Structure formats: C-alpha cells, structure tokens
C-alpha atoms as a PDB file:
ATOM      1  CA  UNK A   1      59.467  92.497  83.594  1.00  0.00           C
ATOM      2  CA  UNK A   2      62.091  95.144  83.572  1.00  0.00           C
ATOM      3  CA  UNK A   3      59.251  97.220  81.800  1.00  0.00           C
ATOM      4  CA  UNK A   4      56.972  96.592  84.498  1.00  0.00           C
ATOM      5  CA  UNK A   5      59.338  97.978  86.949  1.00  0.00           C
ATOM      6  CA  UNK A   6      59.386 101.703  85.490  1.00  0.00           C
ATOM      7  CA  UNK A   7      56.640 103.143  87.178  1.00  0.00           C
ATOM      8  CA  UNK A   8      57.933 101.952  90.813  1.00  0.00           C
ATOM      9  CA  UNK A   9      61.601 103.106  89.750  1.00  0.00           C
ATOM     10  CA  UNK A  10      59.893 106.485  88.503  1.00  0.00           C
ATOM     11  CA  UNK A  11      58.220 107.013  91.852  1.00  0.00           C
ATOM     12  CA  UNK A  12      61.211 106.113  93.871  1.00  0.00           C
ATOM     13  CA  UNK A  13      63.185 108.843  91.950  1.00  0.00           C
ATOM     14  CA  UNK A  14      60.658 111.288  92.603  1.00  0.00           C
ATOM     15  CA  UNK A  15      60.477 110.404  96.359  1.00  0.00           C
ATOM     16  CA  UNK A  16      64.158 111.184  96.529  1.00  0.00           C
ATOM     17  CA  UNK A  17      63.702 114.438  94.677  1.00  0.00           C
ATOM     18  CA  UNK A  18      61.090 115.423  97.173  1.00  0.00           C
ATOM     19  CA  UNK A  19      63.441 115.072  99.857  1.00  0.00           C
ATOM     20  CA  UNK A  20      65.711 117.517  98.371  1.00  0.00           C
ATOM     21  CA  UNK A  21      68.281 114.910  97.290  1.00  0.00           C
ATOM     22  CA  UNK A  22      69.245 115.097  93.362  1.00  0.00           C
ATOM     23  CA  UNK A  23      69.184 111.729  91.682  1.00  0.00           C
ATOM     24  CA  UNK A  24      70.742 110.194  88.498  1.00  0.00           C
ATOM     25  CA  UNK A  25      69.904 107.254  86.500  1.00  0.00           C
ATOM     26  CA  UNK A  26      71.503 103.994  87.023  1.00  0.00           C
ATOM     27  CA  UNK A  27      71.796 101.025  84.605  1.00  0.00           C
ATOM     28  CA  UNK A  28      68.748  99.010  84.634  1.00  0.00           C
ATOM     29  CA  UNK A  29      69.360  96.200  87.126  1.00  0.00           C
ATOM     30  CA  UNK A  30      72.707  97.703  88.091  1.00  0.00           C
ATOM     31  CA  UNK A  31      74.652 100.238  90.112  1.00  0.00           C
ATOM     32  CA  UNK A  32      76.722 102.150  87.556  1.00  0.00           C
ATOM     33  CA  UNK A  33      75.711 105.499  86.294  1.00  0.00           C
ATOM     34  CA  UNK A  34      73.596 104.896  83.005  1.00  0.00           C
ATOM     35  CA  UNK A  35      74.778 108.738  81.853  1.00  0.00           C
ATOM     36  CA  UNK A  36      77.520 108.692  79.319  1.00  0.00           C
ATOM     37  CA  UNK A  37      81.329 109.261  80.267  1.00  0.00           C
ATOM     38  CA  UNK A  38      83.864 111.704  79.051  1.00  0.00           C
ATOM     39  CA  UNK A  39      85.192 109.778  76.323  1.00  0.00           C
ATOM     40  CA  UNK A  40      81.685 109.077  74.811  1.00  0.00           C
ATOM     41  CA  UNK A  41      80.755 112.805  75.309  1.00  0.00           C
ATOM     42  CA  UNK A  42      79.357 114.492  72.010  1.00  0.00           C
ATOM     43  CA  UNK A  43      79.536 118.020  73.677  1.00  0.00           C
ATOM     44  CA  UNK A  44      75.683 118.828  72.945  1.00  0.00           C
ATOM     45  CA  UNK A  45      73.027 119.301  75.059  1.00  0.00           C
ATOM     46  CA  UNK A  46      73.891 119.755  78.822  1.00  0.00           C
ATOM     47  CA  UNK A  47      77.441 119.057  77.788  1.00  0.00           C
ATOM     48  CA  UNK A  48      77.537 121.792  74.810  1.00  0.00           C
ATOM     49  CA  UNK A  49      80.020 123.753  76.969  1.00  0.00           C
ATOM     50  CA  UNK A  50      82.244 120.853  77.869  1.00  0.00           C
ATOM     51  CA  UNK A  51      81.355 117.460  79.351  1.00  0.00           C
ATOM     52  CA  UNK A  52      79.290 117.482  82.513  1.00  0.00           C
ATOM     53  CA  UNK A  53      79.931 114.562  85.098  1.00  0.00           C
ATOM     54  CA  UNK A  54      77.120 112.627  86.684  1.00  0.00           C
ATOM     55  CA  UNK A  55      77.262 114.296  90.055  1.00  0.00           C
ATOM     56  CA  UNK A  56      76.681 117.660  88.315  1.00  0.00           C
ATOM     57  CA  UNK A  57      73.941 116.282  86.267  1.00  0.00           C
ATOM     58  CA  UNK A  58      71.995 114.815  88.892  1.00  0.00           C
ATOM     59  CA  UNK A  59      68.807 116.590  89.539  1.00  0.00           C
ATOM     60  CA  UNK A  60      65.568 117.309  91.515  1.00  0.00           C
ATOM     61  CA  UNK A  61      63.518 118.596  88.749  1.00  0.00           C
ATOM     62  CA  UNK A  62      60.742 116.440  88.419  1.00  0.00           C
ATOM     63  CA  UNK A  63      60.166 117.232  84.635  1.00  0.00           C
ATOM     64  CA  UNK A  64      63.890 116.023  83.970  1.00  0.00           C
ATOM     65  CA  UNK A  65      63.384 113.144  86.344  1.00  0.00           C
ATOM     66  CA  UNK A  66      60.267 111.941  84.490  1.00  0.00           C
ATOM     67  CA  UNK A  67      61.862 112.367  80.871  1.00  0.00           C
ATOM     68  CA  UNK A  68      64.647 110.152  81.961  1.00  0.00           C
ATOM     69  CA  UNK A  69      63.144 107.531  83.610  1.00  0.00           C
ATOM     70  CA  UNK A  70      60.574 107.232  80.501  1.00  0.00           C
ATOM     71  CA  UNK A  71      63.456 105.895  78.531  1.00  0.00           C
ATOM     72  CA  UNK A  72      64.048 103.014  80.395  1.00  0.00           C
ATOM     73  CA  UNK A  73      63.722 101.118  83.908  1.00  0.00           C
ATOM     74  CA  UNK A  74      66.704 102.790  85.317  1.00  0.00           C
ATOM     75  CA  UNK A  75      67.904 102.119  88.998  1.00  0.00           C
ATOM     76  CA  UNK A  76      67.954 105.287  90.865  1.00  0.00           C
ATOM     77  CA  UNK A  77      71.320 106.775  92.304  1.00  0.00           C
ATOM     78  CA  UNK A  78      71.135 109.518  95.029  1.00  0.00           C
ATOM     79  CA  UNK A  79      74.284 111.917  94.802  1.00  0.00           C
ATOM     80  CA  UNK A  80      75.259 112.380  98.193  1.00  0.00           C
ATOM     81  CA  UNK A  81      77.461 115.284  98.002  1.00  0.00           C
ATOM     82  CA  UNK A  82      74.792 117.537  96.319  1.00  0.00           C
ATOM     83  CA  UNK A  83      72.213 116.233  98.482  1.00  0.00           C
ATOM     84  CA  UNK A  84      74.209 117.137 101.838  1.00  0.00           C
ATOM     85  CA  UNK A  85      74.152 113.525 102.897  1.00  0.00           C
ATOM     86  CA  UNK A  86      76.860 111.380 104.144  1.00  0.00           C
ATOM     87  CA  UNK A  87      75.948 107.719 104.013  1.00  0.00           C
ATOM     88  CA  UNK A  88      77.465 105.170 105.926  1.00  0.00           C
ATOM     89  CA  UNK A  89      77.801 101.626 103.942  1.00  0.00           C
ATOM     90  CA  UNK A  90      77.758  98.784 106.184  1.00  0.00           C
ATOM     91  CA  UNK A  91      79.057  96.077 103.650  1.00  0.00           C
ATOM     92  CA  UNK A  92      78.706  92.433 103.651  1.00  0.00           C
ATOM     93  CA  UNK A  93      82.077  90.352 103.346  1.00  0.00           C
ATOM     94  CA  UNK A  94      82.632  88.709  99.752  1.00  0.00           C
ATOM     95  CA  UNK A  95      84.166  85.993 100.615  1.00  0.00           C
ATOM     96  CA  UNK A  96      84.798  84.154 103.707  1.00  0.00           C
ATOM     97  CA  UNK A  97      81.643  83.590 105.735  1.00  0.00           C
ATOM     98  CA  UNK A  98      83.772  83.791 108.941  1.00  0.00           C
ATOM     99  CA  UNK A  99      84.733  87.231 108.160  1.00  0.00           C
ATOM    100  CA  UNK A 100      82.412  89.877 110.439  1.00  0.00           C
ATOM    101  CA  UNK A 101      80.102  91.892 108.503  1.00  0.00           C
ATOM    102  CA  UNK A 102      79.810  95.459 108.431  1.00  0.00           C
ATOM    103  CA  UNK A 103      77.019  95.776 110.990  1.00  0.00           C
ATOM    104  CA  UNK A 104      79.343  94.028 113.195  1.00  0.00           C
ATOM    105  CA  UNK A 105      82.282  95.757 113.026  1.00  0.00           C
ATOM    106  CA  UNK A 106      80.393  99.281 113.258  1.00  0.00           C
ATOM    107  CA  UNK A 107      78.533  97.940 116.402  1.00  0.00           C
ATOM    108  CA  UNK A 108      82.038  97.126 117.971  1.00  0.00           C
ATOM    109  CA  UNK A 109      83.411 100.441 116.997  1.00  0.00           C
ATOM    110  CA  UNK A 110      80.306 102.101 118.799  1.00  0.00           C
ATOM    111  CA  UNK A 111      81.084  99.949 121.892  1.00  0.00           C
ATOM    112  CA  UNK A 112      84.603 100.798 121.877  1.00  0.00           C
ATOM    113  CA  UNK A 113      84.119 104.456 121.745  1.00  0.00           C
ATOM    114  CA  UNK A 114      81.206 104.321 124.358  1.00  0.00           C
ATOM    115  CA  UNK A 115      78.735 105.375 121.734  1.00  0.00           C
ATOM    116  CA  UNK A 116      75.342 104.075 120.800  1.00  0.00           C
ATOM    117  CA  UNK A 117      74.256 102.702 117.475  1.00  0.00           C
ATOM    118  CA  UNK A 118      72.488 105.768 115.676  1.00  0.00           C
ATOM    119  CA  UNK A 119      68.920 105.481 115.026  1.00  0.00           C
ATOM    120  CA  UNK A 120      68.544 107.087 111.575  1.00  0.00           C
ATOM    121  CA  UNK A 121      67.071 106.397 108.046  1.00  0.00           C
ATOM    122  CA  UNK A 122      68.377 103.052 107.326  1.00  0.00           C
ATOM    123  CA  UNK A 123      68.229 100.892 103.922  1.00  0.00           C
ATOM    124  CA  UNK A 124      68.848  97.414 103.277  1.00  0.00           C
ATOM    125  CA  UNK A 125      71.006  96.912 100.386  1.00  0.00           C
ATOM    126  CA  UNK A 126      70.785  94.158  97.700  1.00  0.00           C
ATOM    127  CA  UNK A 127      73.449  92.152  99.434  1.00  0.00           C
ATOM    128  CA  UNK A 128      72.082  92.336 102.949  1.00  0.00           C
ATOM    129  CA  UNK A 129      73.942  95.412 104.274  1.00  0.00           C
ATOM    130  CA  UNK A 130      73.047  98.521 105.368  1.00  0.00           C
ATOM    131  CA  UNK A 131      72.885 102.234 104.201  1.00  0.00           C
ATOM    132  CA  UNK A 132      72.703 104.571 107.016  1.00  0.00           C
ATOM    133  CA  UNK A 133      71.575 107.959 106.346  1.00  0.00           C
ATOM    134  CA  UNK A 134      73.012 111.262 107.734  1.00  0.00           C
ATOM    135  CA  UNK A 135      73.307 114.975 106.892  1.00  0.00           C
ATOM    136  CA  UNK A 136      76.658 116.199 106.289  1.00  0.00           C
ATOM    137  CA  UNK A 137      77.784 118.997 108.820  1.00  0.00           C
ATOM    138  CA  UNK A 138      77.612 122.463 107.182  1.00  0.00           C
ATOM    139  CA  UNK A 139      80.952 124.055 106.393  1.00  0.00           C
ATOM    140  CA  UNK A 140      82.755 120.622 106.119  1.00  0.00           C
ATOM    141  CA  UNK A 141      83.477 118.919 102.855  1.00  0.00           C
ATOM    142  CA  UNK A 142      83.631 115.285 103.631  1.00  0.00           C
ATOM    143  CA  UNK A 143      84.601 112.819 100.707  1.00  0.00           C
ATOM    144  CA  UNK A 144      84.061 108.886 100.276  1.00  0.00           C
ATOM    145  CA  UNK A 145      86.290 106.474 102.798  1.00  0.00           C
ATOM    146  CA  UNK A 146      86.633 102.877 102.274  1.00  0.00           C
ATOM    147  CA  UNK A 147      87.391 101.178 105.681  1.00  0.00           C
ATOM    148  CA  UNK A 148      88.558 104.308 107.607  1.00  0.00           C
ATOM    149  CA  UNK A 149      86.093 104.060 110.105  1.00  0.00           C
ATOM    150  CA  UNK A 150      86.559  99.944 110.795  1.00  0.00           C
ATOM    151  CA  UNK A 151      86.594  97.110 108.321  1.00  0.00           C
ATOM    152  CA  UNK A 152      83.819  96.589 105.878  1.00  0.00           C
ATOM    153  CA  UNK A 153      82.386 100.351 106.523  1.00  0.00           C
ATOM    154  CA  UNK A 154      82.478 102.613 103.678  1.00  0.00           C
ATOM    155  CA  UNK A 155      81.249 106.365 103.393  1.00  0.00           C
ATOM    156  CA  UNK A 156      79.572 108.121 100.509  1.00  0.00           C
ATOM    157  CA  UNK A 157      79.714 111.872 100.560  1.00  0.00           C
ATOM    158  CA  UNK A 158      80.914 114.229  97.966  1.00  0.00           C
ATOM    159  CA  UNK A 159      82.216 112.515  94.734  1.00  0.00           C
ATOM    160  CA  UNK A 160      79.828 109.665  95.526  1.00  0.00           C
ATOM    161  CA  UNK A 161      76.321 108.315  95.307  1.00  0.00           C
ATOM    162  CA  UNK A 162      74.177 105.545  96.699  1.00  0.00           C
ATOM    163  CA  UNK A 163      71.631 103.320  94.989  1.00  0.00           C
ATOM    164  CA  UNK A 164      68.077 104.413  96.588  1.00  0.00           C
ATOM    165  CA  UNK A 165      65.422 102.177  97.732  1.00  0.00           C
ATOM    166  CA  UNK A 166      63.280 100.838  95.176  1.00  0.00           C
ATOM    167  CA  UNK A 167      65.977  99.827  93.017  1.00  0.00           C
ATOM    168  CA  UNK A 168      66.570  96.207  92.371  1.00  0.00           C
ATOM    169  CA  UNK A 169      69.820  94.250  91.162  1.00  0.00           C
ATOM    170  CA  UNK A 170      70.263  90.340  90.439  1.00  0.00           C
ATOM    171  CA  UNK A 171      71.157  90.042  94.017  1.00  0.00           C
ATOM    172  CA  UNK A 172      68.272  91.532  95.628  1.00  0.00           C
ATOM    173  CA  UNK A 173      66.322  94.959  96.217  1.00  0.00           C
ATOM    174  CA  UNK A 174      67.177  97.997  98.129  1.00  0.00           C
ATOM    175  CA  UNK A 175      64.276  98.739 100.940  1.00  0.00           C
ATOM    176  CA  UNK A 176      63.903 101.194 103.652  1.00  0.00           C
ATOM    177  CA  UNK A 177      63.936  99.087 107.071  1.00  0.00           C
ATOM    178  CA  UNK A 178      63.845 101.988 109.543  1.00  0.00           C
ATOM    179  CA  UNK A 179      61.979 105.154 108.148  1.00  0.00           C
ATOM    180  CA  UNK A 180      63.371 107.449 110.818  1.00  0.00           C
ATOM    181  CA  UNK A 181      64.441 110.846 110.403  1.00  0.00           C
ATOM    182  CA  UNK A 182      67.654 111.426 108.948  1.00  0.00           C
ATOM    183  CA  UNK A 183      69.926 112.380 111.772  1.00  0.00           C
ATOM    184  CA  UNK A 184      72.601 114.920 111.577  1.00  0.00           C
ATOM    185  CA  UNK A 185      76.193 113.351 111.496  1.00  0.00           C
ATOM    186  CA  UNK A 186      77.339 112.255 115.061  1.00  0.00           C
ATOM    187  CA  UNK A 187      80.202 114.459 116.090  1.00  0.00           C
ATOM    188  CA  UNK A 188      82.209 111.492 117.052  1.00  0.00           C
ATOM    189  CA  UNK A 189      81.728 109.981 113.676  1.00  0.00           C
ATOM    190  CA  UNK A 190      82.780 113.671 112.063  1.00  0.00           C
ATOM    191  CA  UNK A 191      86.144 113.517 114.080  1.00  0.00           C
ATOM    192  CA  UNK A 192      86.637 109.917 113.004  1.00  0.00           C
ATOM    193  CA  UNK A 193      86.104 110.829 109.373  1.00  0.00           C
ATOM    194  CA  UNK A 194      88.352 113.950 109.384  1.00  0.00           C
ATOM    195  CA  UNK A 195      92.188 113.566 108.652  1.00  0.00           C
ATOM    196  CA  UNK A 196      93.942 113.151 111.690  1.00  0.00           C
ATOM    197  CA  UNK A 197      95.940 116.211 112.818  1.00  0.00           C
ATOM    198  CA  UNK A 198      99.816 116.086 112.744  1.00  0.00           C
ATOM    199  CA  UNK A 199     101.266 115.959 116.418  1.00  0.00           C
ATOM    200  CA  UNK A 200     102.031 119.668 117.113  1.00  0.00           C
ATOM    201  CA  UNK A 201     104.886 118.352 119.431  1.00  0.00           C
ATOM    202  CA  UNK A 202     107.448 115.661 118.714  1.00  0.00           C
ATOM    203  CA  UNK A 203     106.229 111.833 119.586  1.00  0.00           C
ATOM    204  CA  UNK A 204     107.480 110.788 122.815  1.00  0.00           C
ATOM    205  CA  UNK A 205     108.773 107.396 122.261  1.00  0.00           C
ATOM    206  CA  UNK A 206     108.366 105.244 125.076  1.00  0.00           C
ATOM    207  CA  UNK A 207     110.957 105.277 127.702  1.00  0.00           C
ATOM    208  CA  UNK A 208     112.381 101.669 129.704  1.00  0.00           C
ATOM    209  CA  UNK A 209     110.380 100.679 132.633  1.00  0.00           C
ATOM    210  CA  UNK A 210     112.186 101.646 135.819  1.00  0.00           C
ATOM    211  CA  UNK A 211     111.515  99.769 138.883  1.00  0.00           C
ATOM    212  CA  UNK A 212     109.627  97.120 137.428  1.00  0.00           C
ATOM    213  CA  UNK A 213     110.572  93.436 136.161  1.00  0.00           C
ATOM    214  CA  UNK A 214     113.039  92.783 133.590  1.00  0.00           C
ATOM    215  CA  UNK A 215     110.029  90.926 131.969  1.00  0.00           C
ATOM    216  CA  UNK A 216     107.769  93.934 132.028  1.00  0.00           C
ATOM    217  CA  UNK A 217     110.519  95.952 130.551  1.00  0.00           C
ATOM    218  CA  UNK A 218     111.077  93.600 127.430  1.00  0.00           C
ATOM    219  CA  UNK A 219     107.122  93.264 126.836  1.00  0.00           C
ATOM    220  CA  UNK A 220     106.739  97.057 127.108  1.00  0.00           C
ATOM    221  CA  UNK A 221     109.635  97.925 124.587  1.00  0.00           C
ATOM    222  CA  UNK A 222     108.232  94.935 122.251  1.00  0.00           C
ATOM    223  CA  UNK A 223     104.720  96.284 122.179  1.00  0.00           C
ATOM    224  CA  UNK A 224     105.511  99.693 121.796  1.00  0.00           C
ATOM    225  CA  UNK A 225     107.602  98.927 118.543  1.00  0.00           C
ATOM    226  CA  UNK A 226     104.836  96.919 117.349  1.00  0.00           C
ATOM    227  CA  UNK A 227     102.379  99.912 117.527  1.00  0.00           C
ATOM    228  CA  UNK A 228     105.052 102.150 115.948  1.00  0.00           C
ATOM    229  CA  UNK A 229     105.480  99.651 113.223  1.00  0.00           C
ATOM    230  CA  UNK A 230     101.769  99.145 112.476  1.00  0.00           C
ATOM    231  CA  UNK A 231     100.108 100.359 109.251  1.00  0.00           C
ATOM    232  CA  UNK A 232      96.372 100.734 108.137  1.00  0.00           C
ATOM    233  CA  UNK A 233      94.004  98.474 108.513  1.00  0.00           C
ATOM    234  CA  UNK A 234      96.041  96.953 111.782  1.00  0.00           C
ATOM    235  CA  UNK A 235      96.854 100.093 113.695  1.00  0.00           C
ATOM    236  CA  UNK A 236      93.998 100.015 116.263  1.00  0.00           C
ATOM    237  CA  UNK A 237      93.991  96.026 116.637  1.00  0.00           C
ATOM    238  CA  UNK A 238      97.665  96.303 117.212  1.00  0.00           C
ATOM    239  CA  UNK A 239      97.266  99.225 119.796  1.00  0.00           C
ATOM    240  CA  UNK A 240      94.415  96.892 121.335  1.00  0.00           C
ATOM    241  CA  UNK A 241      96.564  93.781 121.574  1.00  0.00           C
ATOM    242  CA  UNK A 242      99.463  95.700 123.019  1.00  0.00           C
ATOM    243  CA  UNK A 243      97.388  97.104 125.787  1.00  0.00           C
ATOM    244  CA  UNK A 244      95.808  93.755 126.790  1.00  0.00           C
ATOM    245  CA  UNK A 245      99.179  92.369 126.793  1.00  0.00           C
ATOM    246  CA  UNK A 246     100.727  94.822 129.198  1.00  0.00           C
ATOM    247  CA  UNK A 247      97.610  94.837 131.557  1.00  0.00           C
ATOM    248  CA  UNK A 248      98.829  91.679 133.559  1.00  0.00           C
ATOM    249  CA  UNK A 249     102.293  93.693 134.482  1.00  0.00           C
ATOM    250  CA  UNK A 250     100.158  96.787 135.356  1.00  0.00           C
ATOM    251  CA  UNK A 251      97.772  94.454 137.421  1.00  0.00           C
ATOM    252  CA  UNK A 252     101.087  92.866 139.118  1.00  0.00           C
ATOM    253  CA  UNK A 253     102.379  96.504 140.111  1.00  0.00           C
ATOM    254  CA  UNK A 254     105.091  96.011 137.648  1.00  0.00           C
ATOM    255  CA  UNK A 255     104.577  99.103 135.715  1.00  0.00           C
ATOM    256  CA  UNK A 256     102.216 102.052 136.389  1.00  0.00           C
ATOM    257  CA  UNK A 257      99.170 102.187 134.248  1.00  0.00           C
ATOM    258  CA  UNK A 258      99.726 106.034 133.410  1.00  0.00           C
ATOM    259  CA  UNK A 259     103.294 105.073 131.892  1.00  0.00           C
ATOM    260  CA  UNK A 260     101.419 102.584 129.537  1.00  0.00           C
ATOM    261  CA  UNK A 261      98.665 104.840 128.615  1.00  0.00           C
ATOM    262  CA  UNK A 262     101.083 107.555 127.759  1.00  0.00           C
ATOM    263  CA  UNK A 263     103.622 105.989 125.900  1.00  0.00           C
ATOM    264  CA  UNK A 264     101.101 103.919 123.654  1.00  0.00           C
ATOM    265  CA  UNK A 265      98.775 107.005 123.084  1.00  0.00           C
ATOM    266  CA  UNK A 266     101.689 108.865 121.656  1.00  0.00           C
ATOM    267  CA  UNK A 267     103.036 105.634 119.617  1.00  0.00           C
ATOM    268  CA  UNK A 268      99.405 105.150 118.476  1.00  0.00           C
ATOM    269  CA  UNK A 269      98.997 109.038 117.264  1.00  0.00           C
ATOM    270  CA  UNK A 270     102.320 109.017 115.494  1.00  0.00           C
ATOM    271  CA  UNK A 271     101.035 106.183 113.120  1.00  0.00           C
ATOM    272  CA  UNK A 272      98.046 108.352 112.498  1.00  0.00           C
ATOM    273  CA  UNK A 273      95.329 107.190 114.978  1.00  0.00           C
ATOM    274  CA  UNK A 274      92.910 110.113 116.450  1.00  0.00           C
ATOM    275  CA  UNK A 275      93.470 110.867 120.076  1.00  0.00           C
ATOM    276  CA  UNK A 276      89.863 109.490 120.961  1.00  0.00           C
ATOM    277  CA  UNK A 277      90.423 106.257 119.240  1.00  0.00           C
ATOM    278  CA  UNK A 278      93.757 105.414 121.229  1.00  0.00           C
ATOM    279  CA  UNK A 279      92.351 106.554 124.530  1.00  0.00           C
ATOM    280  CA  UNK A 280      88.921 104.249 124.097  1.00  0.00           C
ATOM    281  CA  UNK A 281      91.032 101.338 122.657  1.00  0.00           C
ATOM    282  CA  UNK A 282      93.591 101.432 125.577  1.00  0.00           C
ATOM    283  CA  UNK A 283      90.901 102.238 128.162  1.00  0.00           C
ATOM    284  CA  UNK A 284      88.819  99.109 127.015  1.00  0.00           C
ATOM    285  CA  UNK A 285      91.857  97.032 126.546  1.00  0.00           C
ATOM    286  CA  UNK A 286      93.612  97.610 129.903  1.00  0.00           C
ATOM    287  CA  UNK A 287      90.308  97.724 131.841  1.00  0.00           C
ATOM    288  CA  UNK A 288      89.567  94.028 130.547  1.00  0.00           C
ATOM    289  CA  UNK A 289      93.101  92.655 131.043  1.00  0.00           C
ATOM    290  CA  UNK A 290      93.445  94.081 134.751  1.00  0.00           C
ATOM    291  CA  UNK A 291      90.143  92.834 135.369  1.00  0.00           C
ATOM    292  CA  UNK A 292      90.670  89.075 133.900  1.00  0.00           C
ATOM    293  CA  UNK A 293      94.344  88.764 134.809  1.00  0.00           C
ATOM    294  CA  UNK A 294      95.333  85.967 136.923  1.00  0.00           C
ATOM    295  CA  UNK A 295      97.760  86.097 139.807  1.00  0.00           C
ATOM    296  CA  UNK A 296     101.415  85.872 139.155  1.00  0.00           C
ATOM    297  CA  UNK A 297     102.510  82.176 139.162  1.00  0.00           C
ATOM    298  CA  UNK A 298     105.275  81.685 141.740  1.00  0.00           C
ATOM    299  CA  UNK A 299     107.913  79.001 141.989  1.00  0.00           C
END
C-alpha cells in the first residue's frame, strides 16, 4: 500500500514546487523530515562543505524531487520560510473533548477584534484541524509561534514547515478543502505576531476611584492588580474578566468608563498585550457588561 502511494506523493511534491514552494521529504506515513540530522551527517554530497539543514535542502527542482521520491513513499513537507508563506495551524485538542479547538478559538479571536475569518487556501490536517495559507509580508522575518495568537493556534514561517496536502499519516490524510488563492497575511494578524513594543513611557498604575462607592474602589484596585499579575497565556482572559467585573459599576455611575479603560489599557500593555488587543477586549467586555447589567439592589 505504501509503495502504491508513491505516484500520488510525487505529484503532491511537484504540485507544491510549481507554486514556488520548496519541498522536503518527510518520513513515510509520518511528519518528521526524512533527511539526516547533523549528528549522522557524512559531510558528503550536498553536505561536503558542512552539514546542510532541511530548510536549506528543500527544493523546487523537479529533477531533484523525482530523484528523492523515487527512493520511497515520502510524505511531503513545505518549507514555509523559503516558500514565502506563513501558515496558521488551527489544532485539535489532544485530551479533553471539552477544550475548544483551534478553529473555535481563532474564530473567537476574529470576532473580538472585529475581523472576519480570512478566506484563503485551507488544508484539513490528519487530526481534523486546519492549515490557513498566507503569503508572508516582504521585509518582515516572522518565525514560528505556539499559542501566541490564541490557544491551539500556532504559526509556521521561517524555521518551520507544514505537511502538504496529499500526505497521509495513521491518523488520516491532508486534503485541500478550500482551493482559494493564497491571501497576503492580513495586517491585523501581522501586528499580532510581531513582538509587542515596550511602552515608551512609564506605565500609569491605576489610581483609586474618587467620588465613587467604596465597593467600586476595592473592585477597581483588585482587578487592576489581577491584570498586572497575569502571565501568558491568561493575560487577555484576565483583562476580559476584569472589564466585565467593572462594567456594572460603570453602568451604576460609580466610576467613569474612561477611567476603567485608561487604567486597564495601561495595565494590559505592561504585561505584554498589544494596544489593539487591549482596546478590542475592553470594548467588547465593557459593552456586554453594561448592556446586561441588572439594576443595583437596594435595601
């Protein structure tokens, strides 16, 4: 059966190469490179001048591809960096069935930031996840990330590769499910994937509420401290919960909305969230909390 897959796998490798995407052989039925590592390098052939890593050995040369895939039913890897691609990997949870999958968390991220889910070339992975293909922006070197955008959402760019459609593993096959043109990486995703700039001014720690209720004052200080103490991957979730908690006090007139937004924006940026992440999270959380707030109970 493996031998019978060789023509289809060769065709998959050649198809990627015709798109300008360098490919490398992966182990038959697997996802790891089939090329030798540095410890096993004989320093001959392509490595005569020193070990050449898989990213540099990936190729679009059809003769080299035919020669490689004639030796075995290798799965196909696409070297995303040399291909000029950034691929977003929407993964499936490996344990609890109650954990949201990457498709769900990415869709929620798009909704929170006021963006539509991009329509681009999409591959279903062997596990049932998704690979979203984008062309990487010129002049910006993006690497791989794991959970930077949101849980169960990884990215592959320089230093990474993805398993190409047509490949198979014991868990299933990789198949194109949306053969749309490959979109340029949207600007909002590029901003989200670049390192957060350090604040150019000292962070303004939240000041106490003045003219409000004592309960609002205590809640304001508590939620601000929670944001400042938060760490990845819980920073944005902590900011969201803090804003929802304070929304009722804004609705009741105990504290001005702009005071909450300014203080929580500064606190969120100080722990590494990007400005646009803080703004969108605060806006959606406060809007919801104010809209659904019950009237204050009176004795």
